[in-house]
Amino acid sequence: MTEPTPRGLPPMELPADLGIVYSNVVRISHSLADFVFDFTHLLPGQESKVEARVVMSPQATKLLLRALLENLSRYEAANGVIQLPGDNSLATDLFRNIHPPE
């Protein structure tokens, strides 16, 4: 199956048996020549193991960062700002579940 690709990228074939990896944690390391992304998922009470490793050149990593920022911006424009833990003020965290009487 060939997927459409944006902006002049070469077509990419997705094999029918391609596995999907869910990740909620990525460990990033680098050398002078490469960036290494180790993807895993953490579940309570279980040890995590690396499910997928992606190695990229510094240039490809910077292009990935640019693409991620652009896509996050589009996502938030369509769906609202993604909230992260710690983004709220102390007052919001303390009083978000308190509603005044009607």
C-alpha atoms as a PDB file:
ATOM      1  CA  MET A   1       0.000   0.000   0.000  1.00  0.00           C
ATOM      2  CA  THR A   2       1.487   3.335  -1.018  1.00  0.00           C
ATOM      3  CA  GLU A   3       0.587   6.347   1.110  1.00  0.00           C
ATOM      4  CA  PRO A   4       0.381   9.867  -0.328  1.00  0.00           C
ATOM      5  CA  THR A   5       3.266  12.022   0.838  1.00  0.00           C
ATOM      6  CA  PRO A   6       3.347  15.803   1.211  1.00  0.00           C
ATOM      7  CA  ARG A   7       5.592  18.338  -0.501  1.00  0.00           C
ATOM      8  CA  GLY A   8       7.591  16.281  -2.925  1.00  0.00           C
ATOM      9  CA  LEU A   9       8.693  13.533  -0.555  1.00  0.00           C
ATOM     10  CA  PRO A  10       9.200  10.177  -2.233  1.00  0.00           C
ATOM     11  CA  PRO A  11       6.264   7.745  -2.003  1.00  0.00           C
ATOM     12  CA  MET A  12       6.438   5.406   0.990  1.00  0.00           C
ATOM     13  CA  GLU A  13       5.205   1.847   0.952  1.00  0.00           C
ATOM     14  CA  LEU A  14       3.517   0.561   4.104  1.00  0.00           C
ATOM     15  CA  PRO A  15       3.864  -3.219   4.312  1.00  0.00           C
ATOM     16  CA  ALA A  16       0.624  -5.009   5.221  1.00  0.00           C
ATOM     17  CA  ASP A  17       2.348  -6.686   8.189  1.00  0.00           C
ATOM     18  CA  LEU A  18       3.882  -3.471   9.577  1.00  0.00           C
ATOM     19  CA  GLY A  19       3.717  -3.542  13.370  1.00  0.00           C
ATOM     20  CA  ILE A  20       2.502  -0.562  15.375  1.00  0.00           C
ATOM     21  CA  VAL A  21       4.423   0.505  18.474  1.00  0.00           C
ATOM     22  CA  TYR A  22       2.713   2.614  21.149  1.00  0.00           C
ATOM     23  CA  SER A  23       5.087   4.859  23.085  1.00  0.00           C
ATOM     24  CA  ASN A  24       4.511   7.271  25.948  1.00  0.00           C
ATOM     25  CA  VAL A  25       8.228   7.737  26.670  1.00  0.00           C
ATOM     26  CA  VAL A  26      11.237   8.332  24.452  1.00  0.00           C
ATOM     27  CA  ARG A  27      14.851   8.420  25.587  1.00  0.00           C
ATOM     28  CA  ILE A  28      17.017  10.594  23.347  1.00  0.00           C
ATOM     29  CA  SER A  29      20.787  10.411  23.137  1.00  0.00           C
ATOM     30  CA  HIS A  30      23.275  11.597  20.557  1.00  0.00           C
ATOM     31  CA  SER A  31      26.803  11.422  19.300  1.00  0.00           C
ATOM     32  CA  LEU A  32      28.540  13.816  16.937  1.00  0.00           C
ATOM     33  CA  ALA A  33      27.114  11.894  13.964  1.00  0.00           C
ATOM     34  CA  ASP A  34      23.691  10.595  15.090  1.00  0.00           C
ATOM     35  CA  PHE A  35      20.639  11.073  17.276  1.00  0.00           C
ATOM     36  CA  VAL A  36      19.201   7.917  18.839  1.00  0.00           C
ATOM     37  CA  PHE A  37      15.528   7.703  19.849  1.00  0.00           C
ATOM     38  CA  ASP A  38      14.579   4.738  22.066  1.00  0.00           C
ATOM     39  CA  PHE A  39      10.800   4.384  22.292  1.00  0.00           C
ATOM     40  CA  THR A  40       9.080   2.536  25.134  1.00  0.00           C
ATOM     41  CA  HIS A  41       5.876   2.668  27.129  1.00  0.00           C
ATOM     42  CA  LEU A  42       5.608   2.847  30.880  1.00  0.00           C
ATOM     43  CA  LEU A  43       2.842   1.042  32.717  1.00  0.00           C
ATOM     44  CA  PRO A  44       2.398   1.036  36.499  1.00  0.00           C
ATOM     45  CA  GLY A  45       4.187  -1.874  38.166  1.00  0.00           C
ATOM     46  CA  GLN A  46       5.921  -3.075  35.015  1.00  0.00           C
ATOM     47  CA  GLU A  47       9.470  -2.709  33.776  1.00  0.00           C
ATOM     48  CA  SER A  48       9.783  -0.992  30.428  1.00  0.00           C
ATOM     49  CA  LYS A  49      11.811  -2.257  27.513  1.00  0.00           C
ATOM     50  CA  VAL A  50      12.727  -0.471  24.334  1.00  0.00           C
ATOM     51  CA  GLU A  51      10.135  -1.341  21.693  1.00  0.00           C
ATOM     52  CA  ALA A  52      11.713   0.564  18.807  1.00  0.00           C
ATOM     53  CA  ARG A  53      14.962   2.415  18.145  1.00  0.00           C
ATOM     54  CA  VAL A  54      15.289   5.101  15.474  1.00  0.00           C
ATOM     55  CA  VAL A  55      18.696   6.522  14.534  1.00  0.00           C
ATOM     56  CA  MET A  56      18.831   9.761  12.542  1.00  0.00           C
ATOM     57  CA  SER A  57      21.436  12.206  11.329  1.00  0.00           C
ATOM     58  CA  PRO A  58      21.507  15.626  13.019  1.00  0.00           C
ATOM     59  CA  GLN A  59      20.064  17.204   9.859  1.00  0.00           C
ATOM     60  CA  ALA A  60      17.215  14.682   9.666  1.00  0.00           C
ATOM     61  CA  THR A  61      16.541  15.211  13.378  1.00  0.00           C
ATOM     62  CA  LYS A  62      16.263  18.964  12.880  1.00  0.00           C
ATOM     63  CA  LEU A  63      13.894  18.420   9.948  1.00  0.00           C
ATOM     64  CA  LEU A  64      11.841  16.058  12.133  1.00  0.00           C
ATOM     65  CA  LEU A  65      11.667  18.726  14.850  1.00  0.00           C
ATOM     66  CA  ARG A  66      10.488  21.287  12.302  1.00  0.00           C
ATOM     67  CA  ALA A  67       7.831  18.886  10.978  1.00  0.00           C
ATOM     68  CA  LEU A  68       6.649  18.040  14.516  1.00  0.00           C
ATOM     69  CA  LEU A  69       6.347  21.732  15.454  1.00  0.00           C
ATOM     70  CA  GLU A  70       4.404  22.482  12.272  1.00  0.00           C
ATOM     71  CA  ASN A  71       2.051  19.533  12.790  1.00  0.00           C
ATOM     72  CA  LEU A  72       1.507  20.308  16.487  1.00  0.00           C
ATOM     73  CA  SER A  73       0.633  23.866  15.529  1.00  0.00           C
ATOM     74  CA  ARG A  74      -1.938  22.627  12.991  1.00  0.00           C
ATOM     75  CA  TYR A  75      -3.351  20.131  15.510  1.00  0.00           C
ATOM     76  CA  GLU A  76      -3.760  22.799  18.199  1.00  0.00           C
ATOM     77  CA  ALA A  77      -5.325  25.228  15.723  1.00  0.00           C
ATOM     78  CA  ALA A  78      -7.951  22.592  14.896  1.00  0.00           C
ATOM     79  CA  ASN A  79      -8.399  20.968  18.323  1.00  0.00           C
ATOM     80  CA  GLY A  80      -7.290  23.431  20.986  1.00  0.00           C
ATOM     81  CA  VAL A  81      -4.103  23.766  23.002  1.00  0.00           C
ATOM     82  CA  ILE A  82      -2.635  20.536  24.361  1.00  0.00           C
ATOM     83  CA  GLN A  83      -2.363  20.903  28.126  1.00  0.00           C
ATOM     84  CA  LEU A  84       0.708  19.512  29.861  1.00  0.00           C
ATOM     85  CA  PRO A  85       1.053  18.799  33.584  1.00  0.00           C
ATOM     86  CA  GLY A  86       2.343  21.925  35.286  1.00  0.00           C
ATOM     87  CA  ASP A  87       1.000  24.292  32.610  1.00  0.00           C
ATOM     88  CA  ASN A  88      -1.764  25.561  34.894  1.00  0.00           C
ATOM     89  CA  SER A  89      -1.457  28.154  37.595  1.00  0.00           C
ATOM     90  CA  LEU A  90      -1.608  27.042  41.224  1.00  0.00           C
ATOM     91  CA  ALA A  91      -5.093  28.576  41.539  1.00  0.00           C
ATOM     92  CA  THR A  92      -6.341  26.573  38.552  1.00  0.00           C
ATOM     93  CA  ASP A  93      -4.894  23.343  39.961  1.00  0.00           C
ATOM     94  CA  LEU A  94      -6.389  24.003  43.419  1.00  0.00           C
ATOM     95  CA  PHE A  95      -9.838  25.192  42.376  1.00  0.00           C
ATOM     96  CA  ARG A  96     -10.618  23.556  39.027  1.00  0.00           C
ATOM     97  CA  ASN A  97     -13.092  21.085  40.573  1.00  0.00           C
ATOM     98  CA  ILE A  98     -14.874  23.679  42.689  1.00  0.00           C
ATOM     99  CA  HIS A  99     -18.001  25.083  41.113  1.00  0.00           C
ATOM    100  CA  PRO A 100     -20.028  27.937  42.643  1.00  0.00           C
ATOM    101  CA  PRO A 101     -23.601  27.126  43.679  1.00  0.00           C
ATOM    102  CA  GLU A 102     -26.242  27.917  41.091  1.00  0.00           C
END
